[in-house]
Amino acid sequence: MVNISLMIEEEIKSVSTFISELNQNEHSHIGYCGKDSVEITNSIIEDITDIPYNKSFLTAYEHNELIGVLGFDADLEGNCAEIWGPFIKENKWDIVPAMWEQLSELIPDKISSISLFPNKKNKRVLEVANDLSFNKHSEQTILDFSINRKSELEDVSIVELSEVYFKDMIHLHDANFPDTYYSGEQIIDRMNEFRKVFIIENNNDLCGYIYVEAEPAYGEASIEFFAVKETERGSGHGRQLLSAALNWLFTIKNIKSIQLCVNSNHQKAINLYKKVGFQHLHDLCFFTKEL
């Protein structure tokens, strides 16, 4: 007999361990859920807030053994939600339809679209996406740069974004990344000690920028956006921006590696990242479903 119910506080540690173990394996990996159990615990408690975990996550037990986890992280302002999972113990995938039916009842009417981000090798979740009529939007390549390769980086001297270039940076960002999750103005509002925008300028002209974020408490860092003006492309500015950002991120305690996500069709960008020293980690598939 399988018991499916809402997750409670006492389960968080065991659920985080369960997700962590499955997410170590590409064949059961979901892109945005993390691999470290402490990081996953923190995300569940502190990041999943629009609808808390005790109203958005389901656990499945058989003979008191945890065999499945399925939940969602809602963005009520954006009317969307990211699906966490399904994380299912091997040979227990027959529980997914029942778990999905219960989860669907928890998703509020305000949510108009949901997304899945499974590893390309996660065949089970790819089948779930197909069975539930999700639409595949893109394939994304995850690249990683380890601190062990820091000595290979160029020693580049560039500067942090200052108010004099705010307007130029906003224009460059919004032109290159329309309708993305942060506008240029939102990036500027987010800037702080661990969220930096670095730029390259020439004769008071902004040539390019890069926006990076770090979370020292969890040893995490990410390159969120970077762009170079079309007239300046091919001059090495992209490589310089990446090198400068990585050099700064590795000055922060606990940061041991940096990952980034890029559309798999953007081979030119992937080649640039690899030239700087990034190495291929995963290939993921991005699915959405309108509700």
C-alpha atoms as a PDB file:
ATOM      1  CA  MET A   1       0.000   0.000   0.000  1.00  0.00           C
ATOM      2  CA  VAL A   2       1.429   3.365  -1.090  1.00  0.00           C
ATOM      3  CA  ASN A   3       0.659   6.425   1.027  1.00  0.00           C
ATOM      4  CA  ILE A   4       0.856   9.795  -0.768  1.00  0.00           C
ATOM      5  CA  SER A   5       0.526  12.941   1.353  1.00  0.00           C
ATOM      6  CA  LEU A   6       1.719  16.515   1.772  1.00  0.00           C
ATOM      7  CA  MET A   7       5.280  16.836   3.037  1.00  0.00           C
ATOM      8  CA  ILE A   8       5.698  17.906   6.663  1.00  0.00           C
ATOM      9  CA  GLU A   9       8.599  19.561   8.455  1.00  0.00           C
ATOM     10  CA  GLU A  10       9.882  16.309   9.947  1.00  0.00           C
ATOM     11  CA  GLU A  11      10.425  14.928   6.437  1.00  0.00           C
ATOM     12  CA  ILE A  12      12.574  17.741   5.040  1.00  0.00           C
ATOM     13  CA  LYS A  13      15.932  16.168   5.888  1.00  0.00           C
ATOM     14  CA  SER A  14      15.049  12.731   4.493  1.00  0.00           C
ATOM     15  CA  VAL A  15      13.451  14.283   1.389  1.00  0.00           C
ATOM     16  CA  SER A  16      16.561  16.413   0.766  1.00  0.00           C
ATOM     17  CA  THR A  17      18.792  13.348   1.065  1.00  0.00           C
ATOM     18  CA  PHE A  18      16.498  11.394  -1.266  1.00  0.00           C
ATOM     19  CA  ILE A  19      16.579  14.152  -3.929  1.00  0.00           C
ATOM     20  CA  SER A  20      20.333  14.615  -3.501  1.00  0.00           C
ATOM     21  CA  GLU A  21      21.055  10.931  -4.104  1.00  0.00           C
ATOM     22  CA  LEU A  22      18.874  10.760  -7.216  1.00  0.00           C
ATOM     23  CA  ASN A  23      20.211  14.054  -8.585  1.00  0.00           C
ATOM     24  CA  GLN A  24      23.783  12.717  -8.532  1.00  0.00           C
ATOM     25  CA  ASN A  25      22.813  10.384 -11.376  1.00  0.00           C
ATOM     26  CA  GLU A  26      22.194  11.886 -14.822  1.00  0.00           C
ATOM     27  CA  HIS A  27      19.478   9.280 -15.448  1.00  0.00           C
ATOM     28  CA  SER A  28      17.386  10.701 -12.560  1.00  0.00           C
ATOM     29  CA  HIS A  29      18.677  14.284 -12.563  1.00  0.00           C
ATOM     30  CA  ILE A  30      16.429  17.397 -12.576  1.00  0.00           C
ATOM     31  CA  GLY A  31      18.218  20.609 -13.505  1.00  0.00           C
ATOM     32  CA  TYR A  32      17.277  23.245 -10.949  1.00  0.00           C
ATOM     33  CA  CYS A  33      16.918  21.170  -7.789  1.00  0.00           C
ATOM     34  CA  GLY A  34      20.532  20.883  -6.617  1.00  0.00           C
ATOM     35  CA  LYS A  35      22.740  17.952  -5.655  1.00  0.00           C
ATOM     36  CA  ASP A  36      23.814  18.888  -2.136  1.00  0.00           C
ATOM     37  CA  SER A  37      21.340  17.859   0.585  1.00  0.00           C
ATOM     38  CA  VAL A  38      22.045  20.971   2.704  1.00  0.00           C
ATOM     39  CA  GLU A  39      21.486  23.220  -0.316  1.00  0.00           C
ATOM     40  CA  ILE A  40      18.253  21.365  -1.129  1.00  0.00           C
ATOM     41  CA  THR A  41      17.024  21.738   2.454  1.00  0.00           C
ATOM     42  CA  ASN A  42      17.722  25.456   2.333  1.00  0.00           C
ATOM     43  CA  SER A  43      15.891  25.813  -0.988  1.00  0.00           C
ATOM     44  CA  ILE A  44      12.831  23.992   0.303  1.00  0.00           C
ATOM     45  CA  ILE A  45      12.636  26.098   3.465  1.00  0.00           C
ATOM     46  CA  GLU A  46      13.826  29.516   2.291  1.00  0.00           C
ATOM     47  CA  ASP A  47      13.260  29.714  -1.480  1.00  0.00           C
ATOM     48  CA  ILE A  48       9.935  27.934  -1.938  1.00  0.00           C
ATOM     49  CA  THR A  49       7.887  30.646  -0.276  1.00  0.00           C
ATOM     50  CA  ASP A  50       5.005  31.792  -2.510  1.00  0.00           C
ATOM     51  CA  ILE A  51       3.352  28.491  -1.676  1.00  0.00           C
ATOM     52  CA  PRO A  52       5.300  26.744   1.126  1.00  0.00           C
ATOM     53  CA  TYR A  53       6.486  23.151   0.886  1.00  0.00           C
ATOM     54  CA  ASN A  54       3.745  21.861   3.205  1.00  0.00           C
ATOM     55  CA  LYS A  55       1.196  22.917   0.573  1.00  0.00           C
ATOM     56  CA  SER A  56       3.216  22.215  -2.589  1.00  0.00           C
ATOM     57  CA  PHE A  57       5.241  19.017  -2.065  1.00  0.00           C
ATOM     58  CA  LEU A  58       4.033  15.415  -1.936  1.00  0.00           C
ATOM     59  CA  THR A  59       5.858  12.396  -0.571  1.00  0.00           C
ATOM     60  CA  ALA A  60       5.070   8.741  -1.279  1.00  0.00           C
ATOM     61  CA  TYR A  61       5.840   5.901   1.139  1.00  0.00           C
ATOM     62  CA  GLU A  62       5.595   2.167   0.815  1.00  0.00           C
ATOM     63  CA  HIS A  63       6.047   0.117   3.998  1.00  0.00           C
ATOM     64  CA  ASN A  64       7.439   3.254   5.687  1.00  0.00           C
ATOM     65  CA  GLU A  65      10.095   3.664   2.974  1.00  0.00           C
ATOM     66  CA  LEU A  66      10.259   6.924   0.997  1.00  0.00           C
ATOM     67  CA  ILE A  67       9.837   6.019  -2.684  1.00  0.00           C
ATOM     68  CA  GLY A  68       8.762   9.272  -4.333  1.00  0.00           C
ATOM     69  CA  VAL A  69       8.825  13.079  -4.115  1.00  0.00           C
ATOM     70  CA  LEU A  70       6.985  15.510  -6.360  1.00  0.00           C
ATOM     71  CA  GLY A  71       6.417  19.225  -5.820  1.00  0.00           C
ATOM     72  CA  PHE A  72       6.391  22.667  -7.367  1.00  0.00           C
ATOM     73  CA  ASP A  73       7.996  26.043  -6.740  1.00  0.00           C
ATOM     74  CA  ALA A  74       5.388  28.704  -7.507  1.00  0.00           C
ATOM     75  CA  ASP A  75       5.995  32.217  -8.777  1.00  0.00           C
ATOM     76  CA  LEU A  76       2.603  33.791  -8.179  1.00  0.00           C
ATOM     77  CA  GLU A  77       3.648  37.153  -9.574  1.00  0.00           C
ATOM     78  CA  GLY A  78       4.777  35.505 -12.803  1.00  0.00           C
ATOM     79  CA  ASN A  79       1.811  33.086 -12.852  1.00  0.00           C
ATOM     80  CA  CYS A  80       4.128  30.111 -13.318  1.00  0.00           C
ATOM     81  CA  ALA A  81       5.694  27.225 -11.400  1.00  0.00           C
ATOM     82  CA  GLU A  82       8.720  24.939 -11.696  1.00  0.00           C
ATOM     83  CA  ILE A  83       8.061  21.250 -11.113  1.00  0.00           C
ATOM     84  CA  TRP A  84      10.464  19.489  -8.751  1.00  0.00           C
ATOM     85  CA  GLY A  85      10.692  15.895  -9.918  1.00  0.00           C
ATOM     86  CA  PRO A  86       9.232  13.418 -10.236  1.00  0.00           C
ATOM     87  CA  PHE A  87      11.937  11.911  -8.028  1.00  0.00           C
ATOM     88  CA  ILE A  88      11.045   8.235  -7.892  1.00  0.00           C
ATOM     89  CA  LYS A  89      12.810   5.177  -6.527  1.00  0.00           C
ATOM     90  CA  GLU A  90      13.752   2.654  -9.212  1.00  0.00           C
ATOM     91  CA  ASN A  91      10.928   0.259 -10.149  1.00  0.00           C
ATOM     92  CA  LYS A  92       8.290   2.443  -8.436  1.00  0.00           C
ATOM     93  CA  TRP A  93       7.302   4.634 -11.403  1.00  0.00           C
ATOM     94  CA  ASP A  94       3.754   3.300 -11.393  1.00  0.00           C
ATOM     95  CA  ILE A  95       3.004   5.787  -8.570  1.00  0.00           C
ATOM     96  CA  VAL A  96       3.576   8.836 -10.821  1.00  0.00           C
ATOM     97  CA  PRO A  97       0.024   9.155 -12.235  1.00  0.00           C
ATOM     98  CA  ALA A  98      -1.477   9.190  -8.727  1.00  0.00           C
ATOM     99  CA  MET A  99       1.119  11.670  -7.471  1.00  0.00           C
ATOM    100  CA  TRP A 100       0.597  13.930 -10.493  1.00  0.00           C
ATOM    101  CA  GLU A 101      -3.164  13.885 -10.042  1.00  0.00           C
ATOM    102  CA  GLN A 102      -2.818  14.973  -6.420  1.00  0.00           C
ATOM    103  CA  LEU A 103      -0.206  17.615  -7.259  1.00  0.00           C
ATOM    104  CA  SER A 104      -2.439  19.080  -9.986  1.00  0.00           C
ATOM    105  CA  GLU A 105      -5.111  19.721  -7.369  1.00  0.00           C
ATOM    106  CA  LEU A 106      -2.594  21.721  -5.288  1.00  0.00           C
ATOM    107  CA  ILE A 107      -1.583  24.094  -8.100  1.00  0.00           C
ATOM    108  CA  PRO A 108      -3.664  27.278  -7.728  1.00  0.00           C
ATOM    109  CA  ASP A 109      -5.755  28.643 -10.593  1.00  0.00           C
ATOM    110  CA  LYS A 110      -3.490  31.705 -10.718  1.00  0.00           C
ATOM    111  CA  ILE A 111      -0.689  29.521 -12.143  1.00  0.00           C
ATOM    112  CA  SER A 112      -1.100  29.525 -15.921  1.00  0.00           C
ATOM    113  CA  SER A 113       2.044  27.602 -16.918  1.00  0.00           C
ATOM    114  CA  ILE A 114       4.381  25.006 -15.405  1.00  0.00           C
ATOM    115  CA  SER A 115       7.852  23.895 -16.453  1.00  0.00           C
ATOM    116  CA  LEU A 116      10.077  20.816 -16.271  1.00  0.00           C
ATOM    117  CA  PHE A 117      13.880  20.812 -16.595  1.00  0.00           C
ATOM    118  CA  PRO A 118      15.064  17.180 -16.739  1.00  0.00           C
ATOM    119  CA  ASN A 119      18.448  15.903 -17.790  1.00  0.00           C
ATOM    120  CA  LYS A 120      18.492  14.711 -21.399  1.00  0.00           C
ATOM    121  CA  LYS A 121      19.412  11.242 -20.071  1.00  0.00           C
ATOM    122  CA  ASN A 122      16.489  11.190 -17.624  1.00  0.00           C
ATOM    123  CA  LYS A 123      14.365   9.043 -19.926  1.00  0.00           C
ATOM    124  CA  ARG A 124      11.654   8.402 -17.324  1.00  0.00           C
ATOM    125  CA  VAL A 125      10.875  12.097 -16.830  1.00  0.00           C
ATOM    126  CA  LEU A 126      11.122  12.721 -20.575  1.00  0.00           C
ATOM    127  CA  GLU A 127       8.395  10.088 -20.957  1.00  0.00           C
ATOM    128  CA  VAL A 128       6.334  11.797 -18.227  1.00  0.00           C
ATOM    129  CA  ALA A 129       6.657  15.119 -20.056  1.00  0.00           C
ATOM    130  CA  ASN A 130       5.432  13.495 -23.257  1.00  0.00           C
ATOM    131  CA  ASP A 131       2.570  11.631 -21.552  1.00  0.00           C
ATOM    132  CA  LEU A 132       1.385  14.858 -19.877  1.00  0.00           C
ATOM    133  CA  SER A 133       1.581  16.869 -23.135  1.00  0.00           C
ATOM    134  CA  PHE A 134       4.377  19.221 -22.099  1.00  0.00           C
ATOM    135  CA  ASN A 135       5.927  21.201 -24.952  1.00  0.00           C
ATOM    136  CA  LYS A 136       9.683  21.020 -25.432  1.00  0.00           C
ATOM    137  CA  HIS A 137      11.108  24.519 -25.886  1.00  0.00           C
ATOM    138  CA  SER A 138      14.845  23.977 -25.959  1.00  0.00           C
ATOM    139  CA  GLU A 139      17.858  21.952 -24.954  1.00  0.00           C
ATOM    140  CA  GLN A 140      20.296  23.600 -22.564  1.00  0.00           C
ATOM    141  CA  THR A 141      23.970  22.807 -22.010  1.00  0.00           C
ATOM    142  CA  ILE A 142      25.380  23.103 -18.495  1.00  0.00           C
ATOM    143  CA  LEU A 143      29.072  24.025 -18.297  1.00  0.00           C
ATOM    144  CA  ASP A 144      31.341  24.092 -15.266  1.00  0.00           C
ATOM    145  CA  PHE A 145      34.583  25.894 -14.373  1.00  0.00           C
ATOM    146  CA  SER A 146      36.562  24.511 -11.422  1.00  0.00           C
ATOM    147  CA  ILE A 147      38.799  26.603  -9.189  1.00  0.00           C
ATOM    148  CA  ASN A 148      41.565  24.085  -9.977  1.00  0.00           C
ATOM    149  CA  ARG A 149      41.833  25.704 -13.412  1.00  0.00           C
ATOM    150  CA  LYS A 150      41.974  29.291 -12.128  1.00  0.00           C
ATOM    151  CA  SER A 151      45.643  29.648 -13.167  1.00  0.00           C
ATOM    152  CA  GLU A 152      44.564  29.290 -16.818  1.00  0.00           C
ATOM    153  CA  LEU A 153      42.489  32.487 -16.674  1.00  0.00           C
ATOM    154  CA  GLU A 154      43.660  35.738 -18.229  1.00  0.00           C
ATOM    155  CA  ASP A 155      44.715  38.424 -15.770  1.00  0.00           C
ATOM    156  CA  VAL A 156      42.241  41.067 -16.885  1.00  0.00           C
ATOM    157  CA  SER A 157      41.669  44.450 -15.308  1.00  0.00           C
ATOM    158  CA  ILE A 158      38.126  45.678 -15.819  1.00  0.00           C
ATOM    159  CA  VAL A 159      35.823  47.775 -13.685  1.00  0.00           C
ATOM    160  CA  GLU A 160      32.533  47.455 -11.881  1.00  0.00           C
ATOM    161  CA  LEU A 161      29.462  49.085 -13.354  1.00  0.00           C
ATOM    162  CA  SER A 162      28.961  52.647 -12.119  1.00  0.00           C
ATOM    163  CA  GLU A 163      25.977  54.953 -12.385  1.00  0.00           C
ATOM    164  CA  VAL A 164      27.416  56.760 -15.390  1.00  0.00           C
ATOM    165  CA  TYR A 165      26.888  53.588 -17.467  1.00  0.00           C
ATOM    166  CA  PHE A 166      23.526  52.465 -16.014  1.00  0.00           C
ATOM    167  CA  LYS A 167      21.503  53.634 -19.014  1.00  0.00           C
ATOM    168  CA  ASP A 168      23.916  52.062 -21.542  1.00  0.00           C
ATOM    169  CA  MET A 169      23.981  48.761 -19.650  1.00  0.00           C
ATOM    170  CA  ILE A 170      20.167  48.624 -19.453  1.00  0.00           C
ATOM    171  CA  HIS A 171      19.903  49.263 -23.197  1.00  0.00           C
ATOM    172  CA  LEU A 172      22.521  46.606 -24.057  1.00  0.00           C
ATOM    173  CA  HIS A 173      20.981  43.998 -21.747  1.00  0.00           C
ATOM    174  CA  ASP A 174      17.365  44.552 -22.788  1.00  0.00           C
ATOM    175  CA  ALA A 175      18.310  44.480 -26.469  1.00  0.00           C
ATOM    176  CA  ASN A 176      20.151  41.164 -26.085  1.00  0.00           C
ATOM    177  CA  PHE A 177      17.797  39.521 -23.561  1.00  0.00           C
ATOM    178  CA  PRO A 178      14.237  40.750 -24.172  1.00  0.00           C
ATOM    179  CA  ASP A 179      11.545  39.263 -21.937  1.00  0.00           C
ATOM    180  CA  THR A 180      14.014  37.351 -19.767  1.00  0.00           C
ATOM    181  CA  TYR A 181      13.747  36.830 -16.002  1.00  0.00           C
ATOM    182  CA  TYR A 182      15.654  40.041 -15.083  1.00  0.00           C
ATOM    183  CA  SER A 183      15.524  43.277 -17.026  1.00  0.00           C
ATOM    184  CA  GLY A 184      18.547  45.572 -17.062  1.00  0.00           C
ATOM    185  CA  GLU A 185      16.890  47.779 -14.467  1.00  0.00           C
ATOM    186  CA  GLN A 186      16.181  44.780 -12.205  1.00  0.00           C
ATOM    187  CA  ILE A 187      19.816  43.688 -12.429  1.00  0.00           C
ATOM    188  CA  ILE A 188      20.948  47.131 -11.266  1.00  0.00           C
ATOM    189  CA  ASP A 189      18.461  46.971  -8.382  1.00  0.00           C
ATOM    190  CA  ARG A 190      19.885  43.571  -7.373  1.00  0.00           C
ATOM    191  CA  MET A 191      23.521  44.707  -7.283  1.00  0.00           C
ATOM    192  CA  ASN A 192      25.208  44.285  -3.887  1.00  0.00           C
ATOM    193  CA  GLU A 193      28.347  42.860  -2.301  1.00  0.00           C
ATOM    194  CA  PHE A 194      27.843  39.451  -3.923  1.00  0.00           C
ATOM    195  CA  ARG A 195      25.948  40.452  -7.060  1.00  0.00           C
ATOM    196  CA  LYS A 196      28.204  42.343  -9.408  1.00  0.00           C
ATOM    197  CA  VAL A 197      28.150  43.789 -12.905  1.00  0.00           C
ATOM    198  CA  PHE A 198      31.569  44.186 -14.536  1.00  0.00           C
ATOM    199  CA  ILE A 199      32.071  46.166 -17.727  1.00  0.00           C
ATOM    200  CA  ILE A 200      34.557  46.892 -20.462  1.00  0.00           C
ATOM    201  CA  GLU A 201      34.566  50.477 -21.687  1.00  0.00           C
ATOM    202  CA  ASN A 202      36.600  52.376 -24.226  1.00  0.00           C
ATOM    203  CA  ASN A 203      36.688  56.185 -24.496  1.00  0.00           C
ATOM    204  CA  ASN A 204      33.588  56.476 -22.293  1.00  0.00           C
ATOM    205  CA  ASP A 205      31.731  53.966 -24.471  1.00  0.00           C
ATOM    206  CA  LEU A 206      30.323  50.773 -22.894  1.00  0.00           C
ATOM    207  CA  CYS A 207      31.607  47.819 -24.928  1.00  0.00           C
ATOM    208  CA  GLY A 208      30.194  44.950 -22.873  1.00  0.00           C
ATOM    209  CA  TYR A 209      29.045  43.781 -19.456  1.00  0.00           C
ATOM    210  CA  ILE A 210      28.743  40.610 -17.371  1.00  0.00           C
ATOM    211  CA  TYR A 211      26.404  40.026 -14.397  1.00  0.00           C
ATOM    212  CA  VAL A 212      27.346  37.408 -11.795  1.00  0.00           C
ATOM    213  CA  GLU A 213      25.873  36.265  -8.480  1.00  0.00           C
ATOM    214  CA  ALA A 214      27.476  34.458  -5.551  1.00  0.00           C
ATOM    215  CA  GLU A 215      26.057  32.739  -2.468  1.00  0.00           C
ATOM    216  CA  PRO A 216      29.107  32.177  -0.262  1.00  0.00           C
ATOM    217  CA  ALA A 217      27.141  30.404   2.488  1.00  0.00           C
ATOM    218  CA  TYR A 218      26.380  27.571   0.071  1.00  0.00           C
ATOM    219  CA  GLY A 219      29.508  27.740  -2.076  1.00  0.00           C
ATOM    220  CA  GLU A 220      27.456  28.697  -5.109  1.00  0.00           C
ATOM    221  CA  ALA A 221      28.067  31.170  -7.916  1.00  0.00           C
ATOM    222  CA  SER A 222      26.572  31.754 -11.323  1.00  0.00           C
ATOM    223  CA  ILE A 223      27.117  33.798 -14.453  1.00  0.00           C
ATOM    224  CA  GLU A 224      23.642  35.099 -15.181  1.00  0.00           C
ATOM    225  CA  PHE A 225      24.098  37.326 -18.241  1.00  0.00           C
ATOM    226  CA  PHE A 226      26.802  38.837 -20.386  1.00  0.00           C
ATOM    227  CA  ALA A 227      26.779  40.656 -23.677  1.00  0.00           C
ATOM    228  CA  VAL A 228      29.134  42.571 -25.956  1.00  0.00           C
ATOM    229  CA  LYS A 229      28.035  45.318 -28.345  1.00  0.00           C
ATOM    230  CA  GLU A 230      27.682  44.024 -31.884  1.00  0.00           C
ATOM    231  CA  THR A 231      30.296  46.460 -33.185  1.00  0.00           C
ATOM    232  CA  GLU A 232      32.801  45.201 -30.577  1.00  0.00           C
ATOM    233  CA  ARG A 233      32.377  41.464 -31.152  1.00  0.00           C
ATOM    234  CA  GLY A 234      35.434  39.516 -32.241  1.00  0.00           C
ATOM    235  CA  SER A 235      37.770  41.769 -30.255  1.00  0.00           C
ATOM    236  CA  GLY A 236      38.201  39.385 -27.299  1.00  0.00           C
ATOM    237  CA  HIS A 237      35.916  41.325 -24.953  1.00  0.00           C
ATOM    238  CA  GLY A 238      33.757  38.273 -24.234  1.00  0.00           C
ATOM    239  CA  ARG A 239      36.743  36.234 -23.092  1.00  0.00           C
ATOM    240  CA  GLN A 240      38.008  39.170 -21.009  1.00  0.00           C
ATOM    241  CA  LEU A 241      34.644  39.653 -19.286  1.00  0.00           C
ATOM    242  CA  LEU A 242      34.391  35.949 -18.450  1.00  0.00           C
ATOM    243  CA  SER A 243      37.970  35.807 -17.144  1.00  0.00           C
ATOM    244  CA  ALA A 244      37.493  38.887 -14.970  1.00  0.00           C
ATOM    245  CA  ALA A 245      34.208  37.599 -13.539  1.00  0.00           C
ATOM    246  CA  LEU A 246      35.665  34.177 -12.746  1.00  0.00           C
ATOM    247  CA  ASN A 247      38.759  35.707 -11.139  1.00  0.00           C
ATOM    248  CA  TRP A 248      36.519  37.793  -8.856  1.00  0.00           C
ATOM    249  CA  LEU A 249      34.175  34.914  -7.984  1.00  0.00           C
ATOM    250  CA  PHE A 250      37.112  32.729  -6.941  1.00  0.00           C
ATOM    251  CA  THR A 251      38.225  35.358  -4.416  1.00  0.00           C
ATOM    252  CA  ILE A 252      35.075  34.512  -2.420  1.00  0.00           C
ATOM    253  CA  LYS A 253      35.462  31.898   0.270  1.00  0.00           C
ATOM    254  CA  ASN A 254      33.697  28.559  -0.396  1.00  0.00           C
ATOM    255  CA  ILE A 255      33.343  29.146  -4.153  1.00  0.00           C
ATOM    256  CA  LYS A 256      34.989  26.118  -5.745  1.00  0.00           C
ATOM    257  CA  SER A 257      33.259  25.982  -9.120  1.00  0.00           C
ATOM    258  CA  ILE A 258      30.955  28.045 -11.322  1.00  0.00           C
ATOM    259  CA  GLN A 259      28.254  26.654 -13.563  1.00  0.00           C
ATOM    260  CA  LEU A 260      26.324  28.274 -16.367  1.00  0.00           C
ATOM    261  CA  CYS A 261      23.457  27.295 -18.620  1.00  0.00           C
ATOM    262  CA  VAL A 262      23.406  28.090 -22.343  1.00  0.00           C
ATOM    263  CA  ASN A 263      21.064  27.102 -25.168  1.00  0.00           C
ATOM    264  CA  SER A 264      22.596  24.052 -26.855  1.00  0.00           C
ATOM    265  CA  ASN A 265      22.006  25.640 -30.281  1.00  0.00           C
ATOM    266  CA  HIS A 266      24.332  28.534 -29.407  1.00  0.00           C
ATOM    267  CA  GLN A 267      27.465  26.659 -30.377  1.00  0.00           C
ATOM    268  CA  LYS A 268      29.461  29.855 -30.847  1.00  0.00           C
ATOM    269  CA  ALA A 269      28.846  30.833 -27.218  1.00  0.00           C
ATOM    270  CA  ILE A 270      29.602  27.297 -26.002  1.00  0.00           C
ATOM    271  CA  ASN A 271      32.893  27.351 -27.907  1.00  0.00           C
ATOM    272  CA  LEU A 272      33.801  30.672 -26.235  1.00  0.00           C
ATOM    273  CA  TYR A 273      33.082  29.276 -22.778  1.00  0.00           C
ATOM    274  CA  LYS A 274      35.192  26.213 -23.529  1.00  0.00           C
ATOM    275  CA  LYS A 275      38.059  28.411 -24.763  1.00  0.00           C
ATOM    276  CA  VAL A 276      38.040  30.199 -21.409  1.00  0.00           C
ATOM    277  CA  GLY A 277      38.165  26.832 -19.632  1.00  0.00           C
ATOM    278  CA  PHE A 278      34.585  25.720 -18.981  1.00  0.00           C
ATOM    279  CA  GLN A 279      33.913  22.002 -19.287  1.00  0.00           C
ATOM    280  CA  HIS A 280      30.733  20.259 -20.377  1.00  0.00           C
ATOM    281  CA  LEU A 281      28.666  18.912 -17.445  1.00  0.00           C
ATOM    282  CA  HIS A 282      25.063  18.146 -18.482  1.00  0.00           C
ATOM    283  CA  ASP A 283      22.528  18.531 -21.264  1.00  0.00           C
ATOM    284  CA  LEU A 284      19.016  19.407 -20.090  1.00  0.00           C
ATOM    285  CA  CYS A 285      15.615  19.733 -21.767  1.00  0.00           C
ATOM    286  CA  PHE A 286      13.283  22.632 -20.993  1.00  0.00           C
ATOM    287  CA  PHE A 287       9.559  21.845 -21.144  1.00  0.00           C
ATOM    288  CA  THR A 288       6.498  23.956 -20.435  1.00  0.00           C
ATOM    289  CA  LYS A 289       2.787  23.243 -20.222  1.00  0.00           C
ATOM    290  CA  GLU A 290      -0.038  25.746 -20.321  1.00  0.00           C
ATOM    291  CA  LEU A 291      -2.754  25.116 -17.747  1.00  0.00           C
END
